[in-house]
Amino acid sequence: ALPDDAVHTLQRVRCHCPGALVIGTGDPECPQEWAQQQAQLWGARLLTAPQTGRLNGHLHGWQWGMKLLQEMLLK
């Protein structure tokens, strides 16, 4: 999760292309409510990976993420 402060760059950015914010199921460091607010702010879709917890912990979720990226590139 990103720092939740008023001057953080990603608090002000907007996606001008299709984008997605992907979180793990039940990630204690990235609450669903915060992720939904950020996705709306950025104009991105919020997707929840089938993996639990942090997606970058021991590379959990990266294979699923690569498949998602391939699907997005083919659209």
C-alpha atoms as a PDB file:
ATOM      1  CA  ALA A   1       0.000   0.000   0.000  1.00  0.00           C
ATOM      2  CA  LEU A   2       1.122   3.530  -0.688  1.00  0.00           C
ATOM      3  CA  PRO A   3       1.545   6.170   2.002  1.00  0.00           C
ATOM      4  CA  ASP A   4      -1.776   7.878   2.611  1.00  0.00           C
ATOM      5  CA  ASP A   5      -0.738  11.531   2.604  1.00  0.00           C
ATOM      6  CA  ALA A   6      -2.052  14.582   0.760  1.00  0.00           C
ATOM      7  CA  VAL A   7       1.108  15.235  -1.287  1.00  0.00           C
ATOM      8  CA  HIS A   8       1.904  11.736  -2.544  1.00  0.00           C
ATOM      9  CA  THR A   9       2.180  11.733  -6.341  1.00  0.00           C
ATOM     10  CA  LEU A  10      -0.063   8.714  -6.821  1.00  0.00           C
ATOM     11  CA  GLN A  11      -2.816  10.475  -4.859  1.00  0.00           C
ATOM     12  CA  ARG A  12      -3.082  12.980  -7.736  1.00  0.00           C
ATOM     13  CA  VAL A  13      -2.366  10.905 -10.862  1.00  0.00           C
ATOM     14  CA  ARG A  14      -5.002   9.858 -13.411  1.00  0.00           C
ATOM     15  CA  CYS A  15      -4.632   6.963 -15.859  1.00  0.00           C
ATOM     16  CA  HIS A  16      -5.178   8.053 -19.458  1.00  0.00           C
ATOM     17  CA  CYS A  17      -5.201   4.465 -20.671  1.00  0.00           C
ATOM     18  CA  PRO A  18      -6.940   1.333 -19.440  1.00  0.00           C
ATOM     19  CA  GLY A  19      -5.517   0.404 -16.071  1.00  0.00           C
ATOM     20  CA  ALA A  20      -6.041  -2.010 -13.235  1.00  0.00           C
ATOM     21  CA  LEU A  21      -5.170  -2.009  -9.562  1.00  0.00           C
ATOM     22  CA  VAL A  22      -4.608  -5.606  -8.479  1.00  0.00           C
ATOM     23  CA  ILE A  23      -4.623  -6.598  -4.832  1.00  0.00           C
ATOM     24  CA  GLY A  24      -4.349  -9.941  -3.068  1.00  0.00           C
ATOM     25  CA  THR A  25      -7.273 -11.419  -1.180  1.00  0.00           C
ATOM     26  CA  GLY A  26      -7.206 -10.228   2.432  1.00  0.00           C
ATOM     27  CA  ASP A  27      -3.953  -8.240   2.191  1.00  0.00           C
ATOM     28  CA  PRO A  28      -3.647  -6.594   5.627  1.00  0.00           C
ATOM     29  CA  GLU A  29      -1.441  -3.806   4.231  1.00  0.00           C
ATOM     30  CA  CYS A  30      -3.857  -2.895   1.413  1.00  0.00           C
ATOM     31  CA  PRO A  31      -7.443  -2.746   2.682  1.00  0.00           C
ATOM     32  CA  GLN A  32     -10.195  -3.295   0.105  1.00  0.00           C
ATOM     33  CA  GLU A  33     -11.788   0.093   0.893  1.00  0.00           C
ATOM     34  CA  TRP A  34      -8.506   1.975   0.308  1.00  0.00           C
ATOM     35  CA  ALA A  35      -7.873   0.072  -2.925  1.00  0.00           C
ATOM     36  CA  GLN A  36     -11.388   0.864  -4.199  1.00  0.00           C
ATOM     37  CA  GLN A  37     -10.904   4.573  -3.491  1.00  0.00           C
ATOM     38  CA  GLN A  38      -7.536   4.581  -5.275  1.00  0.00           C
ATOM     39  CA  ALA A  39      -8.922   2.708  -8.283  1.00  0.00           C
ATOM     40  CA  GLN A  40     -11.726   5.248  -8.612  1.00  0.00           C
ATOM     41  CA  LEU A  41      -9.273   8.137  -8.228  1.00  0.00           C
ATOM     42  CA  TRP A  42      -7.022   6.718 -10.946  1.00  0.00           C
ATOM     43  CA  GLY A  43      -9.855   5.666 -13.272  1.00  0.00           C
ATOM     44  CA  ALA A  44      -8.708   2.040 -13.040  1.00  0.00           C
ATOM     45  CA  ARG A  45     -10.482  -1.267 -12.477  1.00  0.00           C
ATOM     46  CA  LEU A  46      -9.984  -2.915  -9.097  1.00  0.00           C
ATOM     47  CA  LEU A  47      -9.187  -6.613  -9.424  1.00  0.00           C
ATOM     48  CA  THR A  48      -8.674  -9.041  -6.564  1.00  0.00           C
ATOM     49  CA  ALA A  49      -6.221 -11.845  -7.275  1.00  0.00           C
ATOM     50  CA  PRO A  50      -7.080 -15.371  -6.151  1.00  0.00           C
ATOM     51  CA  GLN A  51      -3.867 -15.431  -4.081  1.00  0.00           C
ATOM     52  CA  THR A  52      -4.106 -14.342  -0.452  1.00  0.00           C
ATOM     53  CA  GLY A  53      -2.063 -11.626   1.206  1.00  0.00           C
ATOM     54  CA  ARG A  54       0.765  -9.664  -0.425  1.00  0.00           C
ATOM     55  CA  LEU A  55       1.158 -10.484  -4.115  1.00  0.00           C
ATOM     56  CA  ASN A  56       4.883  -9.774  -4.106  1.00  0.00           C
ATOM     57  CA  GLY A  57       5.623 -11.939  -1.073  1.00  0.00           C
ATOM     58  CA  HIS A  58       7.676 -14.887  -2.385  1.00  0.00           C
ATOM     59  CA  LEU A  59       6.366 -14.011  -5.882  1.00  0.00           C
ATOM     60  CA  HIS A  60       2.834 -15.183  -5.051  1.00  0.00           C
ATOM     61  CA  GLY A  61       0.446 -14.052  -7.727  1.00  0.00           C
ATOM     62  CA  TRP A  62       3.009 -13.091 -10.353  1.00  0.00           C
ATOM     63  CA  GLN A  63       2.057 -15.890 -12.755  1.00  0.00           C
ATOM     64  CA  TRP A  64      -1.593 -14.837 -12.465  1.00  0.00           C
ATOM     65  CA  GLY A  65      -0.516 -11.211 -12.929  1.00  0.00           C
ATOM     66  CA  MET A  66       1.460 -12.009 -16.074  1.00  0.00           C
ATOM     67  CA  LYS A  67      -1.581 -13.796 -17.523  1.00  0.00           C
ATOM     68  CA  LEU A  68      -3.723 -10.744 -16.687  1.00  0.00           C
ATOM     69  CA  LEU A  69      -1.199  -8.446 -18.386  1.00  0.00           C
ATOM     70  CA  GLN A  70      -1.195 -10.625 -21.518  1.00  0.00           C
ATOM     71  CA  GLU A  71      -5.001 -10.506 -21.631  1.00  0.00           C
ATOM     72  CA  MET A  72      -4.974  -6.705 -21.268  1.00  0.00           C
ATOM     73  CA  LEU A  73      -2.396  -6.321 -24.053  1.00  0.00           C
ATOM     74  CA  LEU A  74      -4.432  -8.489 -26.443  1.00  0.00           C
ATOM     75  CA  LYS A  75      -7.571  -6.364 -26.030  1.00  0.00           C
END
